[in-house]
C-alpha atoms as a PDB file:
ATOM      1  CA  MET A   1      33.517 -16.063 -15.623  1.00  0.00           C
ATOM      2  CA  ALA A   2      29.767 -16.233 -16.240  1.00  0.00           C
ATOM      3  CA  ALA A   3      28.496 -13.748 -18.798  1.00  0.00           C
ATOM      4  CA  ARG A   4      26.537 -10.886 -17.254  1.00  0.00           C
ATOM      5  CA  GLN A   5      22.833 -10.989 -18.027  1.00  0.00           C
ATOM      6  CA  PRO A   6      21.832  -8.309 -20.543  1.00  0.00           C
ATOM      7  CA  PHE A   7      19.932  -5.375 -19.072  1.00  0.00           C
ATOM      8  CA  THR A   8      16.336  -5.700 -20.248  1.00  0.00           C
ATOM      9  CA  ASP A   9      13.342  -3.372 -20.613  1.00  0.00           C
ATOM     10  CA  THR A  10      11.836  -5.165 -17.622  1.00  0.00           C
ATOM     11  CA  ASP A  11      14.844  -4.119 -15.503  1.00  0.00           C
ATOM     12  CA  THR A  12      14.433  -0.484 -16.593  1.00  0.00           C
ATOM     13  CA  SER A  13      10.719  -0.626 -15.862  1.00  0.00           C
ATOM     14  CA  ASP A  14      11.274  -2.293 -12.455  1.00  0.00           C
ATOM     15  CA  GLU A  15      13.819   0.400 -11.570  1.00  0.00           C
ATOM     16  CA  ALA A  16      11.288   3.103 -12.484  1.00  0.00           C
ATOM     17  CA  VAL A  17       8.658   1.387 -10.331  1.00  0.00           C
ATOM     18  CA  ARG A  18      11.103   1.272  -7.407  1.00  0.00           C
ATOM     19  CA  ALA A  19      11.615   5.042  -7.830  1.00  0.00           C
ATOM     20  CA  THR A  20       7.855   5.616  -7.269  1.00  0.00           C
ATOM     21  CA  CYS A  21       8.424   4.436  -3.690  1.00  0.00           C
ATOM     22  CA  ASP A  22      10.659   7.487  -3.063  1.00  0.00           C
ATOM     23  CA  ASP A  23       8.099   9.781  -4.719  1.00  0.00           C
ATOM     24  CA  ALA A  24       5.347   8.594  -2.382  1.00  0.00           C
ATOM     25  CA  THR A  25       7.593   8.941   0.681  1.00  0.00           C
ATOM     26  CA  THR A  26       8.728  12.494  -0.155  1.00  0.00           C
ATOM     27  CA  CYS A  27       5.137  13.542  -0.928  1.00  0.00           C
ATOM     28  CA  LYS A  28       3.963  12.140   2.409  1.00  0.00           C
ATOM     29  CA  ARG A  29       6.858  13.797   4.236  1.00  0.00           C
ATOM     30  CA  PHE A  30       5.987  17.153   2.691  1.00  0.00           C
ATOM     31  CA  ALA A  31       2.245  16.849   3.437  1.00  0.00           C
ATOM     32  CA  THR A  32       2.900  15.881   7.070  1.00  0.00           C
ATOM     33  CA  SER A  33       5.325  18.808   7.436  1.00  0.00           C
ATOM     34  CA  LYS A  34       2.416  21.061   6.413  1.00  0.00           C
ATOM     35  CA  GLY A  35       0.150  19.468   9.041  1.00  0.00           C
ATOM     36  CA  TYR A  36      -2.219  17.422   6.843  1.00  0.00           C
ATOM     37  CA  TRP A  37      -1.843  14.445   9.179  1.00  0.00           C
ATOM     38  CA  LYS A  38       0.660  13.297  11.805  1.00  0.00           C
ATOM     39  CA  ASP A  39       3.368  10.761  11.022  1.00  0.00           C
ATOM     40  CA  PRO A  40       6.358  10.993  13.361  1.00  0.00           C
ATOM     41  CA  TYR A  41       8.101   8.090  11.564  1.00  0.00           C
ATOM     42  CA  ILE A  42       8.184   9.262   7.923  1.00  0.00           C
ATOM     43  CA  GLN A  43      11.165  11.546   8.710  1.00  0.00           C
ATOM     44  CA  TYR A  44      13.352   8.456   9.190  1.00  0.00           C
ATOM     45  CA  PHE A  45      12.707   7.330   5.610  1.00  0.00           C
ATOM     46  CA  ALA A  46      12.785  10.659   3.740  1.00  0.00           C
ATOM     47  CA  ARG A  47      15.957  12.613   4.381  1.00  0.00           C
ATOM     48  CA  SER A  48      14.413  16.039   3.971  1.00  0.00           C
ATOM     49  CA  VAL A  49      11.045  17.708   3.445  1.00  0.00           C
ATOM     50  CA  GLY A  50      12.095  18.377  -0.141  1.00  0.00           C
ATOM     51  CA  GLU A  51      10.639  20.788  -2.641  1.00  0.00           C
ATOM     52  CA  ARG A  52       7.160  22.212  -2.319  1.00  0.00           C
ATOM     53  CA  LYS A  53       4.293  20.031  -3.546  1.00  0.00           C
ATOM     54  CA  ALA A  54       1.135  21.537  -5.027  1.00  0.00           C
ATOM     55  CA  PRO A  55      -1.871  21.759  -2.640  1.00  0.00           C
ATOM     56  CA  GLU A  56      -3.927  19.332  -4.774  1.00  0.00           C
ATOM     57  CA  ILE A  57      -1.137  16.717  -4.425  1.00  0.00           C
ATOM     58  CA  ASN A  58      -1.141  17.177  -0.643  1.00  0.00           C
ATOM     59  CA  ARG A  59      -4.928  16.838  -0.469  1.00  0.00           C
ATOM     60  CA  GLY A  60      -4.732  13.771  -2.713  1.00  0.00           C
ATOM     61  CA  TYR A  61      -2.267  12.097  -0.360  1.00  0.00           C
ATOM     62  CA  TYR A  62      -4.402  13.105   2.621  1.00  0.00           C
ATOM     63  CA  ALA A  63      -7.438  11.389   1.034  1.00  0.00           C
ATOM     64  CA  ARG A  64      -5.346   8.303   0.225  1.00  0.00           C
ATOM     65  CA  VAL A  65      -3.884   7.947   3.727  1.00  0.00           C
ATOM     66  CA  GLN A  66      -7.173   8.634   5.543  1.00  0.00           C
ATOM     67  CA  GLY A  67      -9.201   6.421   3.202  1.00  0.00           C
ATOM     68  CA  VAL A  68      -6.886   3.412   3.407  1.00  0.00           C
ATOM     69  CA  ASN A  69      -6.450   3.796   7.193  1.00  0.00           C
ATOM     70  CA  HIS A  70     -10.228   3.960   7.676  1.00  0.00           C
ATOM     71  CA  LEU A  71     -10.725   0.498   6.122  1.00  0.00           C
ATOM     72  CA  LEU A  72      -7.554  -1.016   7.583  1.00  0.00           C
ATOM     73  CA  ASP A  73      -8.381   0.086  11.142  1.00  0.00           C
ATOM     74  CA  ALA A  74     -12.006  -1.033  10.789  1.00  0.00           C
ATOM     75  CA  PHE A  75     -10.836  -4.528   9.739  1.00  0.00           C
ATOM     76  CA  ILE A  76      -8.408  -4.804  12.672  1.00  0.00           C
ATOM     77  CA  ARG A  77     -11.166  -3.722  15.097  1.00  0.00           C
ATOM     78  CA  LYS A  78     -13.611  -6.268  13.630  1.00  0.00           C
ATOM     79  CA  ALA A  79     -10.993  -8.983  14.181  1.00  0.00           C
ATOM     80  CA  GLU A  80     -10.167  -7.572  17.645  1.00  0.00           C
ATOM     81  CA  CYS A  81      -6.477  -7.497  16.594  1.00  0.00           C
ATOM     82  CA  ASN A  82      -6.518 -11.291  16.223  1.00  0.00           C
ATOM     83  CA  CYS A  83      -5.447 -11.019  12.588  1.00  0.00           C
ATOM     84  CA  GLN A  84      -2.470 -10.429  10.325  1.00  0.00           C
ATOM     85  CA  VAL A  85      -1.741  -7.708   7.763  1.00  0.00           C
ATOM     86  CA  ILE A  86       0.262  -8.155   4.553  1.00  0.00           C
ATOM     87  CA  ASN A  87       1.327  -4.923   2.861  1.00  0.00           C
ATOM     88  CA  VAL A  88       2.333  -5.902  -0.692  1.00  0.00           C
ATOM     89  CA  GLY A  89       4.706  -3.485  -2.377  1.00  0.00           C
ATOM     90  CA  ALA A  90       4.967  -1.681   0.978  1.00  0.00           C
ATOM     91  CA  GLY A  91       7.861   0.599   0.080  1.00  0.00           C
ATOM     92  CA  LEU A  92       8.845   2.836   2.996  1.00  0.00           C
ATOM     93  CA  ASP A  93       5.380   2.753   4.562  1.00  0.00           C
ATOM     94  CA  THR A  94       5.105   3.498   8.313  1.00  0.00           C
ATOM     95  CA  THR A  95       1.755   1.817   9.114  1.00  0.00           C
ATOM     96  CA  PHE A  96       3.223  -0.783  11.495  1.00  0.00           C
ATOM     97  CA  TRP A  97       4.584   1.964  13.799  1.00  0.00           C
ATOM     98  CA  ARG A  98       1.303   3.896  13.716  1.00  0.00           C
ATOM     99  CA  LEU A  99      -0.694   0.789  14.656  1.00  0.00           C
ATOM    100  CA  LYS A 100       1.631   0.076  17.572  1.00  0.00           C
ATOM    101  CA  ASP A 101       1.228   3.645  18.866  1.00  0.00           C
ATOM    102  CA  GLU A 102      -2.566   3.380  18.564  1.00  0.00           C
ATOM    103  CA  ASN A 103      -2.779  -0.062  20.257  1.00  0.00           C
ATOM    104  CA  LEU A 104      -4.156  -1.547  17.058  1.00  0.00           C
ATOM    105  CA  MET A 105      -1.360  -3.988  16.320  1.00  0.00           C
ATOM    106  CA  PRO A 106      -2.350  -7.186  14.532  1.00  0.00           C
ATOM    107  CA  ARG A 107      -0.790 -10.503  15.580  1.00  0.00           C
ATOM    108  CA  LYS A 108       1.774 -10.008  12.850  1.00  0.00           C
ATOM    109  CA  PHE A 109       2.445  -7.338  10.248  1.00  0.00           C
ATOM    110  CA  PHE A 110       4.165  -8.452   7.027  1.00  0.00           C
ATOM    111  CA  GLU A 111       5.683  -6.207   4.360  1.00  0.00           C
ATOM    112  CA  ILE A 112       6.844  -7.339   0.929  1.00  0.00           C
ATOM    113  CA  ASP A 113       8.748  -5.387  -1.698  1.00  0.00           C
ATOM    114  CA  PHE A 114      11.618  -5.653  -4.152  1.00  0.00           C
ATOM    115  CA  PRO A 115      14.787  -6.892  -2.354  1.00  0.00           C
ATOM    116  CA  THR A 116      16.615  -3.580  -3.024  1.00  0.00           C
ATOM    117  CA  VAL A 117      13.795  -1.569  -1.400  1.00  0.00           C
ATOM    118  CA  VAL A 118      13.690  -3.988   1.538  1.00  0.00           C
ATOM    119  CA  ALA A 119      17.477  -3.776   2.062  1.00  0.00           C
ATOM    120  CA  ARG A 120      17.182   0.027   2.333  1.00  0.00           C
ATOM    121  CA  LYS A 121      14.281  -0.164   4.765  1.00  0.00           C
ATOM    122  CA  ILE A 122      16.097  -2.709   6.954  1.00  0.00           C
ATOM    123  CA  HIS A 123      19.121  -0.386   7.033  1.00  0.00           C
ATOM    124  CA  ASN A 124      16.868   2.499   8.170  1.00  0.00           C
ATOM    125  CA  ILE A 125      15.264   0.349  10.864  1.00  0.00           C
ATOM    126  CA  LYS A 126      18.646  -0.888  12.150  1.00  0.00           C
ATOM    127  CA  THR A 127      20.186   2.589  12.333  1.00  0.00           C
ATOM    128  CA  LYS A 128      17.210   4.577  13.686  1.00  0.00           C
ATOM    129  CA  PRO A 129      16.255   3.700  17.306  1.00  0.00           C
ATOM    130  CA  PRO A 130      12.691   5.145  17.020  1.00  0.00           C
ATOM    131  CA  LEU A 131      12.086   2.496  14.308  1.00  0.00           C
ATOM    132  CA  SER A 132      13.945  -0.429  15.875  1.00  0.00           C
ATOM    133  CA  LYS A 133      12.757   0.069  19.467  1.00  0.00           C
ATOM    134  CA  PRO A 134       9.076  -0.833  18.768  1.00  0.00           C
ATOM    135  CA  LEU A 135      10.237  -4.052  17.050  1.00  0.00           C
ATOM    136  CA  ILE A 136      12.394  -5.022  20.015  1.00  0.00           C
ATOM    137  CA  GLU A 137       9.655  -4.117  22.521  1.00  0.00           C
ATOM    138  CA  THR A 138       7.206  -6.470  20.812  1.00  0.00           C
ATOM    139  CA  HIS A 139       9.710  -9.326  20.423  1.00  0.00           C
ATOM    140  CA  SER A 140      10.069 -12.114  22.977  1.00  0.00           C
ATOM    141  CA  THR A 141      13.689 -13.229  22.498  1.00  0.00           C
ATOM    142  CA  ASP A 142      17.049 -11.472  22.429  1.00  0.00           C
ATOM    143  CA  SER A 143      17.726 -11.906  18.724  1.00  0.00           C
ATOM    144  CA  LEU A 144      15.850 -10.873  15.599  1.00  0.00           C
ATOM    145  CA  LEU A 145      16.179 -12.964  12.455  1.00  0.00           C
ATOM    146  CA  LEU A 146      17.982 -10.679  10.045  1.00  0.00           C
ATOM    147  CA  ASP A 147      19.712 -11.017   6.688  1.00  0.00           C
ATOM    148  CA  ALA A 148      20.251  -8.759   3.672  1.00  0.00           C
ATOM    149  CA  HIS A 149      16.686  -9.047   2.355  1.00  0.00           C
ATOM    150  CA  SER A 150      14.542 -10.002   5.329  1.00  0.00           C
ATOM    151  CA  LEU A 151      13.943  -9.106   8.951  1.00  0.00           C
ATOM    152  CA  ASP A 152      11.663 -11.149  11.161  1.00  0.00           C
ATOM    153  CA  SER A 153      10.414 -10.464  14.678  1.00  0.00           C
ATOM    154  CA  ASP A 154       7.379 -11.751  16.595  1.00  0.00           C
ATOM    155  CA  ARG A 155       5.080  -8.976  15.345  1.00  0.00           C
ATOM    156  CA  TYR A 156       6.795  -7.472  12.272  1.00  0.00           C
ATOM    157  CA  CYS A 157       8.347  -9.095   9.241  1.00  0.00           C
ATOM    158  CA  ILE A 158       9.742  -7.549   6.056  1.00  0.00           C
ATOM    159  CA  ILE A 159      10.579  -9.746   3.073  1.00  0.00           C
ATOM    160  CA  GLY A 160      12.323  -9.056  -0.233  1.00  0.00           C
ATOM    161  CA  ALA A 161      10.370 -10.850  -2.957  1.00  0.00           C
ATOM    162  CA  ASP A 162       8.919 -10.378  -6.428  1.00  0.00           C
ATOM    163  CA  LEU A 163       5.101 -10.301  -6.304  1.00  0.00           C
ATOM    164  CA  ARG A 164       5.031 -11.766  -9.821  1.00  0.00           C
ATOM    165  CA  ASP A 165       6.560 -15.017  -8.531  1.00  0.00           C
ATOM    166  CA  ILE A 166       3.709 -16.428  -6.453  1.00  0.00           C
ATOM    167  CA  SER A 167       5.274 -19.757  -5.426  1.00  0.00           C
ATOM    168  CA  ASN A 168       8.410 -18.009  -4.099  1.00  0.00           C
ATOM    169  CA  LEU A 169       6.253 -15.426  -2.305  1.00  0.00           C
ATOM    170  CA  ASP A 170       4.111 -18.139  -0.702  1.00  0.00           C
ATOM    171  CA  GLU A 171       7.177 -20.102   0.383  1.00  0.00           C
ATOM    172  CA  LYS A 172       8.833 -17.049   1.998  1.00  0.00           C
ATOM    173  CA  LEU A 173       5.681 -15.982   3.851  1.00  0.00           C
ATOM    174  CA  LYS A 174       5.148 -19.495   5.244  1.00  0.00           C
ATOM    175  CA  LYS A 175       8.805 -19.623   6.328  1.00  0.00           C
ATOM    176  CA  PHE A 176       8.117 -16.509   8.430  1.00  0.00           C
ATOM    177  CA  GLN A 177       5.019 -17.966  10.145  1.00  0.00           C
ATOM    178  CA  LEU A 178       2.224 -16.637   7.982  1.00  0.00           C
ATOM    179  CA  ASN A 179      -0.940 -18.253   9.365  1.00  0.00           C
ATOM    180  CA  PRO A 180      -3.622 -18.994   6.710  1.00  0.00           C
ATOM    181  CA  GLU A 181      -6.185 -19.620   9.474  1.00  0.00           C
ATOM    182  CA  LEU A 182      -6.048 -16.041  10.805  1.00  0.00           C
ATOM    183  CA  PRO A 183      -8.248 -13.270   9.383  1.00  0.00           C
ATOM    184  CA  THR A 184      -5.907 -11.479   6.976  1.00  0.00           C
ATOM    185  CA  LEU A 185      -5.870  -8.015   5.489  1.00  0.00           C
ATOM    186  CA  LEU A 186      -3.877  -7.471   2.294  1.00  0.00           C
ATOM    187  CA  LEU A 187      -3.034  -3.940   1.249  1.00  0.00           C
ATOM    188  CA  SER A 188      -1.631  -2.624  -2.027  1.00  0.00           C
ATOM    189  CA  GLU A 189      -1.195   1.025  -2.967  1.00  0.00           C
ATOM    190  CA  CYS A 190      -0.259   1.778  -6.592  1.00  0.00           C
ATOM    191  CA  VAL A 191       1.260  -1.694  -6.950  1.00  0.00           C
ATOM    192  CA  LEU A 192      -1.050  -3.915  -9.035  1.00  0.00           C
ATOM    193  CA  VAL A 193      -1.110  -1.314 -11.831  1.00  0.00           C
ATOM    194  CA  TYR A 194       2.590  -2.011 -12.519  1.00  0.00           C
ATOM    195  CA  MET A 195       1.906  -5.740 -13.025  1.00  0.00           C
ATOM    196  CA  THR A 196       0.256  -7.257 -16.092  1.00  0.00           C
ATOM    197  CA  PRO A 197      -3.443  -8.123 -15.596  1.00  0.00           C
ATOM    198  CA  SER A 198      -2.614 -11.841 -15.432  1.00  0.00           C
ATOM    199  CA  GLN A 199       0.134 -11.255 -12.835  1.00  0.00           C
ATOM    200  CA  SER A 200      -2.112  -9.153 -10.574  1.00  0.00           C
ATOM    201  CA  SER A 201      -4.978 -11.650 -11.029  1.00  0.00           C
ATOM    202  CA  ASN A 202      -2.620 -14.438  -9.951  1.00  0.00           C
ATOM    203  CA  LEU A 203      -1.731 -12.486  -6.809  1.00  0.00           C
ATOM    204  CA  VAL A 204      -5.325 -11.711  -5.787  1.00  0.00           C
ATOM    205  CA  HIS A 205      -6.352 -15.293  -6.668  1.00  0.00           C
ATOM    206  CA  TRP A 206      -3.528 -16.669  -4.491  1.00  0.00           C
ATOM    207  CA  ALA A 207      -4.816 -14.474  -1.631  1.00  0.00           C
ATOM    208  CA  ALA A 208      -8.417 -15.683  -2.080  1.00  0.00           C
ATOM    209  CA  GLU A 209      -7.232 -19.326  -2.166  1.00  0.00           C
ATOM    210  CA  THR A 210      -4.909 -18.993   0.828  1.00  0.00           C
ATOM    211  CA  PHE A 211      -7.154 -17.192   3.354  1.00  0.00           C
ATOM    212  CA  HIS A 212     -10.746 -18.133   4.204  1.00  0.00           C
ATOM    213  CA  THR A 213     -11.445 -14.825   6.004  1.00  0.00           C
ATOM    214  CA  ALA A 214      -9.763 -11.865   4.378  1.00  0.00           C
ATOM    215  CA  MET A 215      -9.977  -8.365   2.987  1.00  0.00           C
ATOM    216  CA  PHE A 216      -7.921  -6.901   0.158  1.00  0.00           C
ATOM    217  CA  ILE A 217      -7.620  -3.097  -0.071  1.00  0.00           C
ATOM    218  CA  ASN A 218      -6.302  -1.771  -3.375  1.00  0.00           C
ATOM    219  CA  TYR A 219      -5.588   1.921  -3.975  1.00  0.00           C
ATOM    220  CA  GLU A 220      -4.676   2.929  -7.522  1.00  0.00           C
ATOM    221  CA  GLN A 221      -5.670   4.681 -10.735  1.00  0.00           C
ATOM    222  CA  VAL A 222      -9.154   4.520 -12.285  1.00  0.00           C
ATOM    223  CA  ASN A 223     -11.028   6.075 -15.253  1.00  0.00           C
ATOM    224  CA  MET A 224      -7.827   5.879 -17.251  1.00  0.00           C
ATOM    225  CA  SER A 225      -9.368   5.823 -20.727  1.00  0.00           C
ATOM    226  CA  ASP A 226     -10.247   9.539 -20.819  1.00  0.00           C
ATOM    227  CA  ARG A 227      -7.907  12.361 -21.841  1.00  0.00           C
ATOM    228  CA  PHE A 228      -6.740  13.134 -18.285  1.00  0.00           C
ATOM    229  CA  GLY A 229      -5.935   9.436 -17.811  1.00  0.00           C
ATOM    230  CA  GLN A 230      -3.966   9.350 -21.067  1.00  0.00           C
ATOM    231  CA  VAL A 231      -1.866  12.327 -19.946  1.00  0.00           C
ATOM    232  CA  MET A 232      -1.109  10.515 -16.654  1.00  0.00           C
ATOM    233  CA  ILE A 233       0.043   7.446 -18.607  1.00  0.00           C
ATOM    234  CA  GLU A 234       2.214   9.548 -20.946  1.00  0.00           C
ATOM    235  CA  ASN A 235       3.841  11.378 -18.007  1.00  0.00           C
ATOM    236  CA  LEU A 236       4.784   8.072 -16.384  1.00  0.00           C
ATOM    237  CA  GLN A 237       6.039   6.626 -19.674  1.00  0.00           C
ATOM    238  CA  ARG A 238       8.438   9.556 -19.975  1.00  0.00           C
ATOM    239  CA  ARG A 239      10.016   8.255 -16.777  1.00  0.00           C
ATOM    240  CA  GLN A 240      10.212   4.695 -18.243  1.00  0.00           C
ATOM    241  CA  CYS A 241       7.335   3.751 -15.950  1.00  0.00           C
ATOM    242  CA  THR A 242       4.871   1.534 -17.777  1.00  0.00           C
ATOM    243  CA  LEU A 243       1.414   0.952 -16.331  1.00  0.00           C
ATOM    244  CA  ALA A 244       1.321  -2.691 -17.436  1.00  0.00           C
ATOM    245  CA  GLY A 245      -1.998  -3.284 -15.669  1.00  0.00           C
ATOM    246  CA  VAL A 246      -3.875  -0.211 -16.833  1.00  0.00           C
ATOM    247  CA  GLU A 247      -6.723  -2.199 -18.417  1.00  0.00           C
ATOM    248  CA  ALA A 248      -7.972  -3.115 -14.929  1.00  0.00           C
ATOM    249  CA  CYS A 249      -8.088   0.639 -14.221  1.00  0.00           C
ATOM    250  CA  GLN A 250     -10.689   1.572 -16.832  1.00  0.00           C
ATOM    251  CA  SER A 251     -13.548   1.930 -14.357  1.00  0.00           C
ATOM    252  CA  LEU A 252     -14.702   1.094 -10.844  1.00  0.00           C
ATOM    253  CA  ASP A 253     -16.358  -1.991 -12.357  1.00  0.00           C
ATOM    254  CA  THR A 254     -13.120  -3.294 -13.885  1.00  0.00           C
ATOM    255  CA  GLN A 255     -11.433  -2.750 -10.510  1.00  0.00           C
ATOM    256  CA  LYS A 256     -14.124  -4.836  -8.765  1.00  0.00           C
ATOM    257  CA  GLU A 257     -14.156  -7.517 -11.493  1.00  0.00           C
ATOM    258  CA  ARG A 258     -10.479  -8.380 -10.897  1.00  0.00           C
ATOM    259  CA  PHE A 259     -11.503  -9.576  -7.407  1.00  0.00           C
ATOM    260  CA  LEU A 260     -14.907 -11.061  -8.196  1.00  0.00           C
ATOM    261  CA  LYS A 261     -13.392 -13.220 -10.958  1.00  0.00           C
ATOM    262  CA  THR A 262     -10.652 -14.615  -8.709  1.00  0.00           C
ATOM    263  CA  GLY A 263     -12.578 -16.050  -5.759  1.00  0.00           C
ATOM    264  CA  TRP A 264     -13.515 -13.021  -3.649  1.00  0.00           C
ATOM    265  CA  GLU A 265     -17.137 -12.987  -2.446  1.00  0.00           C
ATOM    266  CA  HIS A 266     -17.781  -9.276  -2.291  1.00  0.00           C
ATOM    267  CA  ALA A 267     -16.150  -6.172  -3.807  1.00  0.00           C
ATOM    268  CA  ASP A 268     -16.755  -2.421  -3.558  1.00  0.00           C
ATOM    269  CA  ALA A 269     -14.972   0.522  -5.160  1.00  0.00           C
ATOM    270  CA  LEU A 270     -15.155   4.306  -4.853  1.00  0.00           C
ATOM    271  CA  ASP A 271     -13.248   7.030  -6.627  1.00  0.00           C
ATOM    272  CA  MET A 272     -11.215   9.260  -4.329  1.00  0.00           C
ATOM    273  CA  MET A 273     -13.415  12.316  -4.897  1.00  0.00           C
ATOM    274  CA  THR A 274     -16.264  10.327  -3.337  1.00  0.00           C
ATOM    275  CA  VAL A 275     -13.995   9.093  -0.517  1.00  0.00           C
ATOM    276  CA  TYR A 276     -12.833  12.685   0.111  1.00  0.00           C
ATOM    277  CA  SER A 277     -16.477  13.800   0.460  1.00  0.00           C
ATOM    278  CA  MET A 278     -17.149  10.969   2.969  1.00  0.00           C
ATOM    279  CA  LEU A 279     -14.186  11.591   5.277  1.00  0.00           C
ATOM    280  CA  PRO A 280     -14.922  13.391   8.593  1.00  0.00           C
ATOM    281  CA  GLN A 281     -15.778  16.851   7.283  1.00  0.00           C
ATOM    282  CA  ASP A 282     -14.456  18.784  10.280  1.00  0.00           C
ATOM    283  CA  ASP A 283     -10.986  17.391   9.564  1.00  0.00           C
ATOM    284  CA  VAL A 284     -11.388  18.041   5.823  1.00  0.00           C
ATOM    285  CA  ALA A 285     -12.284  21.668   6.665  1.00  0.00           C
ATOM    286  CA  ARG A 286      -9.152  21.855   8.848  1.00  0.00           C
ATOM    287  CA  ILE A 287      -6.796  20.653   6.090  1.00  0.00           C
ATOM    288  CA  GLU A 288      -8.487  22.870   3.489  1.00  0.00           C
ATOM    289  CA  ARG A 289      -7.455  25.868   5.600  1.00  0.00           C
ATOM    290  CA  LEU A 290      -3.774  24.828   5.499  1.00  0.00           C
ATOM    291  CA  GLU A 291      -3.146  25.985   1.929  1.00  0.00           C
ATOM    292  CA  PHE A 292      -5.056  28.034  -0.599  1.00  0.00           C
ATOM    293  CA  LEU A 293      -6.198  25.907  -3.537  1.00  0.00           C
ATOM    294  CA  ASP A 294      -6.495  27.891  -6.732  1.00  0.00           C
ATOM    295  CA  GLU A 295      -7.757  25.114  -8.999  1.00  0.00           C
ATOM    296  CA  ARG A 296     -10.499  23.148  -7.253  1.00  0.00           C
ATOM    297  CA  GLU A 297     -11.309  21.609 -10.633  1.00  0.00           C
ATOM    298  CA  LEU A 298      -7.805  20.136 -10.882  1.00  0.00           C
ATOM    299  CA  LEU A 299      -8.196  18.499  -7.455  1.00  0.00           C
ATOM    300  CA  GLN A 300     -11.504  17.047  -8.605  1.00  0.00           C
ATOM    301  CA  GLN A 301      -9.978  15.661 -11.821  1.00  0.00           C
ATOM    302  CA  LEU A 302      -7.063  14.177  -9.919  1.00  0.00           C
ATOM    303  CA  LEU A 303      -9.252  12.500  -7.277  1.00  0.00           C
ATOM    304  CA  GLN A 304     -11.618  11.138  -9.932  1.00  0.00           C
ATOM    305  CA  HIS A 305      -8.661   9.235 -11.423  1.00  0.00           C
ATOM    306  CA  TYR A 306      -7.776   7.323  -8.264  1.00  0.00           C
ATOM    307  CA  SER A 307      -9.861   4.821  -6.349  1.00  0.00           C
ATOM    308  CA  ILE A 308     -10.028   2.498  -3.394  1.00  0.00           C
ATOM    309  CA  CYS A 309     -11.355  -0.973  -4.160  1.00  0.00           C
ATOM    310  CA  TRP A 310     -11.866  -3.437  -1.332  1.00  0.00           C
ATOM    311  CA  ALA A 311     -12.845  -7.098  -1.549  1.00  0.00           C
ATOM    312  CA  THR A 312     -13.784  -9.539   1.197  1.00  0.00           C
ATOM    313  CA  LYS A 313     -14.432 -13.188   1.978  1.00  0.00           C
ATOM    314  CA  ASP A 314     -15.753 -13.989   5.399  1.00  0.00           C
ATOM    315  CA  LYS A 315     -15.960 -17.629   6.484  1.00  0.00           C
ATOM    316  CA  LEU A 316     -15.728 -16.560  10.162  1.00  0.00           C
ATOM    317  CA  ASN A 317     -18.691 -14.174   9.735  1.00  0.00           C
ATOM    318  CA  LEU A 318     -16.887 -11.152  11.152  1.00  0.00           C
ATOM    319  CA  GLY A 319     -19.215  -8.877   9.153  1.00  0.00           C
ATOM    320  CA  LEU A 320     -16.505  -7.796   6.711  1.00  0.00           C
ATOM    321  CA  SER A 321     -18.955  -6.929   3.938  1.00  0.00           C
ATOM    322  CA  GLN A 322     -20.352  -4.200   6.243  1.00  0.00           C
ATOM    323  CA  LEU A 323     -17.014  -2.351   6.242  1.00  0.00           C
ATOM    324  CA  VAL A 324     -17.704   0.829   4.260  1.00  0.00           C
ATOM    325  CA  PHE A 325     -17.132   4.579   4.457  1.00  0.00           C
END
């Protein structure tokens, strides 16, 4: 019998990273249960609303969801839906279902995550009709391509793969009809920070090399060298969660540099406090009435340590560099 591979620090760290997917889902489920935004699909991925989350966490997730959706939807509109989306490290994200409901579906929506996360998501999709029905409705034949770690339909595809293995990732995406000629939006939320700087650079470089007209939206930590940032790092380390890519999170400039050094033409970045102040203020006023916030300063500190960075290249001249808040 073959000897079992020893369990390494990388395995422990990967397991801790996979656990962050559940954290994000339960936080989103709680915030939507409070009315911060609507997501009728999150309930199928998080079993219960769970314990109460602090108001600043709920507002932080609100800013994240609204900020990312603003850029994502603007890209799809620019491309008139004639595009594809690749959500890298997608976890239990529900964006595909939202886009279908809002008639903003791209030609194809790809999701990539660790095979164990993907297997869970496929199980949820198979056993929950509100998730499976939209896939079947947008599919032209009777059968979906389905195995333990991938599901492929005409408009939605989920693939189990390791983002650190670019050649395997590229091969799997091409097998499932990724089209390098289509305008492509890549999305990562708190994903690159768990990869080493060279691994994340390889991923964003692969994207810049593969697609001539593309946008990459990256949501993650920033300003991590101050005391508040250090405490965030220490808290995650206690859970065996190492931020291997934290050096790219020192400032908005280091966030932009990762893209500008790897073949992207244009890059912008804003911290989430700035994004929060630029969201539609009538809706911000609405959500601020949902819960009393004792520590406005804590919200400010939290939002100043997360950012959205977006990079573009635009051979088709869609006007991608004009996409802003």
